[in-house]
Amino acid sequence: MTAWRASLPSPQSQERRAPPDFDRLARLYRWMELVTFGPWLERCRFSFLGDLASCRRALVMGDGDGRFTARLTSLIPLIEVDAVDASSAMLRELLRRAGSGAARVQVHCADARLWQPANPPYDLVATHFFLDCLTGDEVRLLAEKMRSDMLPSALWVVSEFATPEGVFGRWVARPVVWLLYRAFGLLTGLSIRTLPDHAAALRAAGFTLRERRAFLGGLLAAEIWAAL
């Protein structure tokens, strides 16, 4: 059965940077993506779905309006998902989009940095265009926490923006990322202004990069990490 679990903030959370507020963007999120990047964010997000057929218990953090969760539950009929997001409006969109698959999704309205995994161990963690809302230290701490709640054979799929080396990175990717951070800062209150080095953070937490695919000249990257 689908469950709604709202996590109350701990006393320590008062000292933390507040998560951005994506509630007002929930219904517009897909169209904003299509207008700005066409189908490329979605292609990046779905890039490794074919590698996940054996997964049975997934943790999806910050899936926005739920397109990855919907596709995951559609393609893998036995999978069960914990979906964590600080936006209650995004979680409602996620459940709506999941359709009949929503019966296998538990949603948790919480700050992922503070949330304690509900149904470990997981054999899949997914973060699509979510880690860029965190600092490098926050990514590392999150990865360290998650690794203890994942099976030894578990996978972590990541989609993120990137700033490749070279002329394209300097004159295209970096300005695009700069504009995105300013726009989402205005729209959601996001205070982060630079991409974290999520790869270094995941390696520091004991994860190993298995494969990386680049899109749009390297502006977008899809990765699959192993917990081994």
C-alpha atoms as a PDB file:
ATOM      1  CA  MET A   1       0.000   0.000   0.000  1.00  0.00           C
ATOM      2  CA  THR A   2       1.170   3.522  -0.700  1.00  0.00           C
ATOM      3  CA  ALA A   3       2.155   5.343   2.478  1.00  0.00           C
ATOM      4  CA  TRP A   4       2.700   9.011   3.251  1.00  0.00           C
ATOM      5  CA  ARG A   5       5.276   9.649   5.948  1.00  0.00           C
ATOM      6  CA  ALA A   6       6.176  13.199   6.931  1.00  0.00           C
ATOM      7  CA  SER A   7       9.401  13.460   8.921  1.00  0.00           C
ATOM      8  CA  LEU A   8       9.558  16.103  11.599  1.00  0.00           C
ATOM      9  CA  PRO A   9      12.789  18.139  11.707  1.00  0.00           C
ATOM     10  CA  SER A  10      15.268  17.231  14.410  1.00  0.00           C
ATOM     11  CA  PRO A  11      16.737  19.944  16.668  1.00  0.00           C
ATOM     12  CA  GLN A  12      19.980  19.760  14.668  1.00  0.00           C
ATOM     13  CA  SER A  13      18.091  20.626  11.476  1.00  0.00           C
ATOM     14  CA  GLN A  14      17.545  24.149  12.749  1.00  0.00           C
ATOM     15  CA  GLU A  15      21.270  24.781  12.217  1.00  0.00           C
ATOM     16  CA  ARG A  16      21.265  23.408   8.683  1.00  0.00           C
ATOM     17  CA  ARG A  17      20.665  25.212   5.441  1.00  0.00           C
ATOM     18  CA  ALA A  18      16.968  24.886   4.621  1.00  0.00           C
ATOM     19  CA  PRO A  19      16.154  22.734   1.579  1.00  0.00           C
ATOM     20  CA  PRO A  20      14.880  24.590  -1.507  1.00  0.00           C
ATOM     21  CA  ASP A  21      11.113  24.867  -1.961  1.00  0.00           C
ATOM     22  CA  PHE A  22      10.058  23.249  -5.241  1.00  0.00           C
ATOM     23  CA  ASP A  23       6.326  23.153  -4.448  1.00  0.00           C
ATOM     24  CA  ARG A  24       5.350  25.920  -6.853  1.00  0.00           C
ATOM     25  CA  LEU A  25       7.220  24.237  -9.731  1.00  0.00           C
ATOM     26  CA  ALA A  26       5.677  20.780  -9.375  1.00  0.00           C
ATOM     27  CA  ARG A  27       3.108  21.114 -12.178  1.00  0.00           C
ATOM     28  CA  LEU A  28       5.467  23.061 -14.451  1.00  0.00           C
ATOM     29  CA  TYR A  29       8.630  21.030 -13.958  1.00  0.00           C
ATOM     30  CA  ARG A  30       8.336  18.792 -17.017  1.00  0.00           C
ATOM     31  CA  TRP A  31       7.512  21.700 -19.303  1.00  0.00           C
ATOM     32  CA  MET A  32      10.398  23.745 -17.925  1.00  0.00           C
ATOM     33  CA  GLU A  33      12.715  20.876 -18.800  1.00  0.00           C
ATOM     34  CA  LEU A  34      11.331  20.512 -22.318  1.00  0.00           C
ATOM     35  CA  VAL A  35      11.576  24.236 -23.035  1.00  0.00           C
ATOM     36  CA  THR A  36      15.173  24.515 -21.814  1.00  0.00           C
ATOM     37  CA  PHE A  37      16.780  21.169 -22.727  1.00  0.00           C
ATOM     38  CA  GLY A  38      14.272  19.306 -24.875  1.00  0.00           C
ATOM     39  CA  PRO A  39      14.371  15.535 -24.262  1.00  0.00           C
ATOM     40  CA  TRP A  40      17.973  15.444 -23.050  1.00  0.00           C
ATOM     41  CA  LEU A  41      17.409  15.525 -19.286  1.00  0.00           C
ATOM     42  CA  GLU A  42      14.952  12.664 -19.635  1.00  0.00           C
ATOM     43  CA  ARG A  43      17.350  10.644 -21.792  1.00  0.00           C
ATOM     44  CA  CYS A  44      20.055  11.180 -19.219  1.00  0.00           C
ATOM     45  CA  ARG A  45      17.710  10.208 -16.367  1.00  0.00           C
ATOM     46  CA  PHE A  46      16.658   6.961 -18.073  1.00  0.00           C
ATOM     47  CA  SER A  47      20.096   6.069 -19.417  1.00  0.00           C
ATOM     48  CA  PHE A  48      20.802   3.071 -17.154  1.00  0.00           C
ATOM     49  CA  LEU A  49      17.290   1.686 -16.685  1.00  0.00           C
ATOM     50  CA  GLY A  50      18.266  -1.409 -18.658  1.00  0.00           C
ATOM     51  CA  ASP A  51      20.902  -2.261 -16.004  1.00  0.00           C
ATOM     52  CA  LEU A  52      18.421  -2.299 -13.118  1.00  0.00           C
ATOM     53  CA  ALA A  53      16.157  -5.247 -13.975  1.00  0.00           C
ATOM     54  CA  SER A  54      17.321  -7.344 -11.005  1.00  0.00           C
ATOM     55  CA  CYS A  55      16.706  -4.597  -8.423  1.00  0.00           C
ATOM     56  CA  ARG A  56      13.900  -5.172  -5.920  1.00  0.00           C
ATOM     57  CA  ARG A  57      14.151  -2.404  -3.303  1.00  0.00           C
ATOM     58  CA  ALA A  58      14.996   1.131  -4.386  1.00  0.00           C
ATOM     59  CA  LEU A  59      15.546   4.460  -2.686  1.00  0.00           C
ATOM     60  CA  VAL A  60      14.874   7.421  -4.979  1.00  0.00           C
ATOM     61  CA  MET A  61      15.838  10.850  -3.643  1.00  0.00           C
ATOM     62  CA  GLY A  62      14.691  14.102  -5.213  1.00  0.00           C
ATOM     63  CA  ASP A  63      12.957  12.622  -8.268  1.00  0.00           C
ATOM     64  CA  GLY A  64      11.028  15.820  -8.925  1.00  0.00           C
ATOM     65  CA  ASP A  65       7.691  15.043 -10.553  1.00  0.00           C
ATOM     66  CA  GLY A  66       8.454  11.325 -10.551  1.00  0.00           C
ATOM     67  CA  ARG A  67       9.264  10.394 -14.126  1.00  0.00           C
ATOM     68  CA  PHE A  68      12.101   8.068 -13.135  1.00  0.00           C
ATOM     69  CA  THR A  69      10.023   6.395 -10.416  1.00  0.00           C
ATOM     70  CA  ALA A  70       7.114   5.917 -12.827  1.00  0.00           C
ATOM     71  CA  ARG A  71       9.344   4.320 -15.469  1.00  0.00           C
ATOM     72  CA  LEU A  72      11.124   2.184 -12.865  1.00  0.00           C
ATOM     73  CA  THR A  73       7.914   0.730 -11.413  1.00  0.00           C
ATOM     74  CA  SER A  74       6.524   0.182 -14.913  1.00  0.00           C
ATOM     75  CA  LEU A  75       9.568  -1.726 -16.162  1.00  0.00           C
ATOM     76  CA  ILE A  76      10.224  -3.748 -12.971  1.00  0.00           C
ATOM     77  CA  PRO A  77       6.886  -5.084 -11.661  1.00  0.00           C
ATOM     78  CA  LEU A  78       8.425  -6.512  -8.455  1.00  0.00           C
ATOM     79  CA  ILE A  79      10.360  -3.449  -7.336  1.00  0.00           C
ATOM     80  CA  GLU A  80       9.367  -1.471  -4.230  1.00  0.00           C
ATOM     81  CA  VAL A  81      10.409   2.141  -3.868  1.00  0.00           C
ATOM     82  CA  ASP A  82      11.013   4.602  -1.053  1.00  0.00           C
ATOM     83  CA  ALA A  83      10.782   8.104  -2.572  1.00  0.00           C
ATOM     84  CA  VAL A  84      12.203  10.980  -0.515  1.00  0.00           C
ATOM     85  CA  ASP A  85      11.654  14.643  -1.336  1.00  0.00           C
ATOM     86  CA  ALA A  86      11.359  17.833   0.696  1.00  0.00           C
ATOM     87  CA  SER A  87       8.504  18.995  -1.579  1.00  0.00           C
ATOM     88  CA  SER A  88       5.074  17.575  -0.780  1.00  0.00           C
ATOM     89  CA  ALA A  89       3.755  18.892  -4.109  1.00  0.00           C
ATOM     90  CA  MET A  90       6.451  17.018  -6.032  1.00  0.00           C
ATOM     91  CA  LEU A  91       5.603  13.826  -4.142  1.00  0.00           C
ATOM     92  CA  ARG A  92       1.940  14.179  -5.058  1.00  0.00           C
ATOM     93  CA  GLU A  93       2.957  14.530  -8.705  1.00  0.00           C
ATOM     94  CA  LEU A  94       5.217  11.496  -8.338  1.00  0.00           C
ATOM     95  CA  LEU A  95       2.353   9.325  -7.062  1.00  0.00           C
ATOM     96  CA  ARG A  96      -0.007  10.597  -9.745  1.00  0.00           C
ATOM     97  CA  ARG A  97       2.513   9.871 -12.482  1.00  0.00           C
ATOM     98  CA  ALA A  98       3.296   6.400 -11.103  1.00  0.00           C
ATOM     99  CA  GLY A  99      -0.305   5.304 -11.737  1.00  0.00           C
ATOM    100  CA  SER A 100      -0.845   1.680 -10.767  1.00  0.00           C
ATOM    101  CA  GLY A 101       2.822   1.473  -9.747  1.00  0.00           C
ATOM    102  CA  ALA A 102       2.081   3.862  -6.872  1.00  0.00           C
ATOM    103  CA  ALA A 103       0.914   0.858  -4.820  1.00  0.00           C
ATOM    104  CA  ARG A 104       4.607  -0.110  -4.581  1.00  0.00           C
ATOM    105  CA  VAL A 105       5.842   3.368  -3.638  1.00  0.00           C
ATOM    106  CA  GLN A 106       6.172   4.812  -0.145  1.00  0.00           C
ATOM    107  CA  VAL A 107       6.735   8.563  -0.143  1.00  0.00           C
ATOM    108  CA  HIS A 108       8.582  10.403   2.602  1.00  0.00           C
ATOM    109  CA  CYS A 109       8.328  14.194   2.773  1.00  0.00           C
ATOM    110  CA  ALA A 110      11.675  14.970   4.350  1.00  0.00           C
ATOM    111  CA  ASP A 111      15.087  16.576   3.963  1.00  0.00           C
ATOM    112  CA  ALA A 112      17.198  13.713   2.566  1.00  0.00           C
ATOM    113  CA  ARG A 113      20.189  14.920   4.596  1.00  0.00           C
ATOM    114  CA  LEU A 114      18.312  14.148   7.831  1.00  0.00           C
ATOM    115  CA  TRP A 115      16.030  11.307   6.789  1.00  0.00           C
ATOM    116  CA  GLN A 116      16.701   7.852   8.187  1.00  0.00           C
ATOM    117  CA  PRO A 117      16.141   5.020   5.676  1.00  0.00           C
ATOM    118  CA  ALA A 118      12.823   3.324   6.304  1.00  0.00           C
ATOM    119  CA  ASN A 119      13.173  -0.066   4.606  1.00  0.00           C
ATOM    120  CA  PRO A 120      16.818  -1.033   4.171  1.00  0.00           C
ATOM    121  CA  PRO A 121      18.778  -2.690   2.818  1.00  0.00           C
ATOM    122  CA  TYR A 122      18.404  -1.218  -0.673  1.00  0.00           C
ATOM    123  CA  ASP A 123      19.839  -2.688  -3.838  1.00  0.00           C
ATOM    124  CA  LEU A 124      19.334   0.565  -5.751  1.00  0.00           C
ATOM    125  CA  VAL A 125      19.734   4.258  -4.940  1.00  0.00           C
ATOM    126  CA  ALA A 126      18.796   6.866  -7.562  1.00  0.00           C
ATOM    127  CA  THR A 127      19.535  10.598  -7.501  1.00  0.00           C
ATOM    128  CA  HIS A 128      18.671  12.474 -10.684  1.00  0.00           C
ATOM    129  CA  PHE A 129      19.548  16.189 -10.756  1.00  0.00           C
ATOM    130  CA  PHE A 130      19.422  16.180  -6.970  1.00  0.00           C
ATOM    131  CA  LEU A 131      23.021  16.112  -5.741  1.00  0.00           C
ATOM    132  CA  ASP A 132      23.553  19.542  -7.320  1.00  0.00           C
ATOM    133  CA  CYS A 133      21.332  20.928  -4.533  1.00  0.00           C
ATOM    134  CA  LEU A 134      23.953  19.834  -1.968  1.00  0.00           C
ATOM    135  CA  THR A 135      27.511  20.779  -1.075  1.00  0.00           C
ATOM    136  CA  GLY A 136      30.341  18.329  -1.617  1.00  0.00           C
ATOM    137  CA  ASP A 137      30.505  17.586   2.124  1.00  0.00           C
ATOM    138  CA  GLU A 138      26.747  16.980   2.211  1.00  0.00           C
ATOM    139  CA  VAL A 139      27.012  14.527  -0.692  1.00  0.00           C
ATOM    140  CA  ARG A 140      29.804  12.661   1.079  1.00  0.00           C
ATOM    141  CA  LEU A 141      27.888  12.463   4.374  1.00  0.00           C
ATOM    142  CA  LEU A 142      24.762  11.305   2.558  1.00  0.00           C
ATOM    143  CA  ALA A 143      26.736   8.636   0.676  1.00  0.00           C
ATOM    144  CA  GLU A 144      28.402   7.398   3.864  1.00  0.00           C
ATOM    145  CA  LYS A 145      25.019   7.107   5.555  1.00  0.00           C
ATOM    146  CA  MET A 146      23.469   5.346   2.571  1.00  0.00           C
ATOM    147  CA  ARG A 147      26.285   2.835   2.061  1.00  0.00           C
ATOM    148  CA  SER A 148      25.543   1.200   5.410  1.00  0.00           C
ATOM    149  CA  ASP A 149      21.914   0.758   4.300  1.00  0.00           C
ATOM    150  CA  MET A 150      22.717  -0.766   0.905  1.00  0.00           C
ATOM    151  CA  LEU A 151      23.422  -4.351  -0.078  1.00  0.00           C
ATOM    152  CA  PRO A 152      27.055  -5.114  -1.052  1.00  0.00           C
ATOM    153  CA  SER A 153      25.883  -5.614  -4.656  1.00  0.00           C
ATOM    154  CA  ALA A 154      23.800  -2.395  -4.720  1.00  0.00           C
ATOM    155  CA  LEU A 155      23.950   0.214  -7.467  1.00  0.00           C
ATOM    156  CA  TRP A 156      23.652   4.003  -7.306  1.00  0.00           C
ATOM    157  CA  VAL A 157      22.512   5.767 -10.486  1.00  0.00           C
ATOM    158  CA  VAL A 158      23.242   9.466 -10.823  1.00  0.00           C
ATOM    159  CA  SER A 159      22.248  12.096 -13.388  1.00  0.00           C
ATOM    160  CA  GLU A 160      23.855  15.508 -13.079  1.00  0.00           C
ATOM    161  CA  PHE A 161      24.990  18.624 -14.844  1.00  0.00           C
ATOM    162  CA  ALA A 162      28.717  18.869 -15.492  1.00  0.00           C
ATOM    163  CA  THR A 163      31.269  21.401 -16.693  1.00  0.00           C
ATOM    164  CA  PRO A 164      33.714  19.554 -18.969  1.00  0.00           C
ATOM    165  CA  GLU A 165      37.203  20.782 -19.705  1.00  0.00           C
ATOM    166  CA  GLY A 166      37.905  22.736 -22.850  1.00  0.00           C
ATOM    167  CA  VAL A 167      36.243  25.481 -24.865  1.00  0.00           C
ATOM    168  CA  PHE A 168      32.720  24.028 -24.587  1.00  0.00           C
ATOM    169  CA  GLY A 169      33.018  23.773 -20.816  1.00  0.00           C
ATOM    170  CA  ARG A 170      34.301  27.342 -20.404  1.00  0.00           C
ATOM    171  CA  TRP A 171      32.004  29.116 -22.849  1.00  0.00           C
ATOM    172  CA  VAL A 172      28.835  27.004 -22.799  1.00  0.00           C
ATOM    173  CA  ALA A 173      28.546  24.579 -19.882  1.00  0.00           C
ATOM    174  CA  ARG A 174      29.749  26.884 -17.120  1.00  0.00           C
ATOM    175  CA  PRO A 175      27.515  29.831 -18.133  1.00  0.00           C
ATOM    176  CA  VAL A 176      24.513  27.478 -18.444  1.00  0.00           C
ATOM    177  CA  VAL A 177      25.143  26.044 -14.967  1.00  0.00           C
ATOM    178  CA  TRP A 178      25.627  29.558 -13.578  1.00  0.00           C
ATOM    179  CA  LEU A 179      22.290  30.671 -15.048  1.00  0.00           C
ATOM    180  CA  LEU A 180      20.496  27.581 -13.742  1.00  0.00           C
ATOM    181  CA  TYR A 181      21.729  28.134 -10.213  1.00  0.00           C
ATOM    182  CA  ARG A 182      20.651  31.796 -10.300  1.00  0.00           C
ATOM    183  CA  ALA A 183      17.236  30.900 -11.711  1.00  0.00           C
ATOM    184  CA  PHE A 184      16.544  28.166  -9.179  1.00  0.00           C
ATOM    185  CA  GLY A 185      17.877  30.403  -6.432  1.00  0.00           C
ATOM    186  CA  LEU A 186      15.175  32.925  -7.303  1.00  0.00           C
ATOM    187  CA  LEU A 187      12.418  30.341  -7.838  1.00  0.00           C
ATOM    188  CA  THR A 188      13.079  27.977  -4.948  1.00  0.00           C
ATOM    189  CA  GLY A 189      15.446  29.658  -2.505  1.00  0.00           C
ATOM    190  CA  LEU A 190      18.291  27.289  -3.389  1.00  0.00           C
ATOM    191  CA  SER A 191      21.421  28.778  -1.838  1.00  0.00           C
ATOM    192  CA  ILE A 192      24.010  26.534  -3.526  1.00  0.00           C
ATOM    193  CA  ARG A 193      25.804  28.254  -6.405  1.00  0.00           C
ATOM    194  CA  THR A 194      28.364  25.724  -7.652  1.00  0.00           C
ATOM    195  CA  LEU A 195      28.240  22.075  -8.631  1.00  0.00           C
ATOM    196  CA  PRO A 196      29.592  19.767  -5.925  1.00  0.00           C
ATOM    197  CA  ASP A 197      32.295  17.272  -6.814  1.00  0.00           C
ATOM    198  CA  HIS A 198      29.882  14.398  -6.297  1.00  0.00           C
ATOM    199  CA  ALA A 199      32.266  11.891  -7.859  1.00  0.00           C
ATOM    200  CA  ALA A 200      34.974  12.603  -5.278  1.00  0.00           C
ATOM    201  CA  ALA A 201      32.354  12.447  -2.519  1.00  0.00           C
ATOM    202  CA  LEU A 202      31.038   9.061  -3.669  1.00  0.00           C
ATOM    203  CA  ARG A 203      34.545   7.647  -3.974  1.00  0.00           C
ATOM    204  CA  ALA A 204      35.387   8.886  -0.485  1.00  0.00           C
ATOM    205  CA  ALA A 205      32.335   7.022   0.808  1.00  0.00           C
ATOM    206  CA  GLY A 206      33.503   3.764  -0.782  1.00  0.00           C
ATOM    207  CA  PHE A 207      31.635   3.712  -4.101  1.00  0.00           C
ATOM    208  CA  THR A 208      33.229   2.783  -7.429  1.00  0.00           C
ATOM    209  CA  LEU A 209      32.244   4.309 -10.775  1.00  0.00           C
ATOM    210  CA  ARG A 210      31.147   1.534 -13.126  1.00  0.00           C
ATOM    211  CA  GLU A 211      30.140   3.541 -16.204  1.00  0.00           C
ATOM    212  CA  ARG A 212      29.630   7.154 -17.244  1.00  0.00           C
ATOM    213  CA  ARG A 213      27.745   8.502 -20.263  1.00  0.00           C
ATOM    214  CA  ALA A 214      27.863  12.123 -21.425  1.00  0.00           C
ATOM    215  CA  PHE A 215      25.154  14.093 -23.225  1.00  0.00           C
ATOM    216  CA  LEU A 216      25.021  17.532 -24.862  1.00  0.00           C
ATOM    217  CA  GLY A 217      28.777  17.790 -25.225  1.00  0.00           C
ATOM    218  CA  GLY A 218      29.351  16.828 -21.598  1.00  0.00           C
ATOM    219  CA  LEU A 219      26.905  19.305 -20.040  1.00  0.00           C
ATOM    220  CA  LEU A 220      24.897  16.310 -18.758  1.00  0.00           C
ATOM    221  CA  ALA A 221      26.280  13.097 -17.313  1.00  0.00           C
ATOM    222  CA  ALA A 222      24.650   9.790 -16.364  1.00  0.00           C
ATOM    223  CA  GLU A 223      26.625   7.513 -14.069  1.00  0.00           C
ATOM    224  CA  ILE A 224      26.231   4.152 -12.402  1.00  0.00           C
ATOM    225  CA  TRP A 225      28.198   3.474  -9.215  1.00  0.00           C
ATOM    226  CA  ALA A 226      28.737   0.204  -7.352  1.00  0.00           C
ATOM    227  CA  ALA A 227      28.752  -0.107  -3.584  1.00  0.00           C
ATOM    228  CA  LEU A 228      31.575  -2.671  -3.680  1.00  0.00           C
END
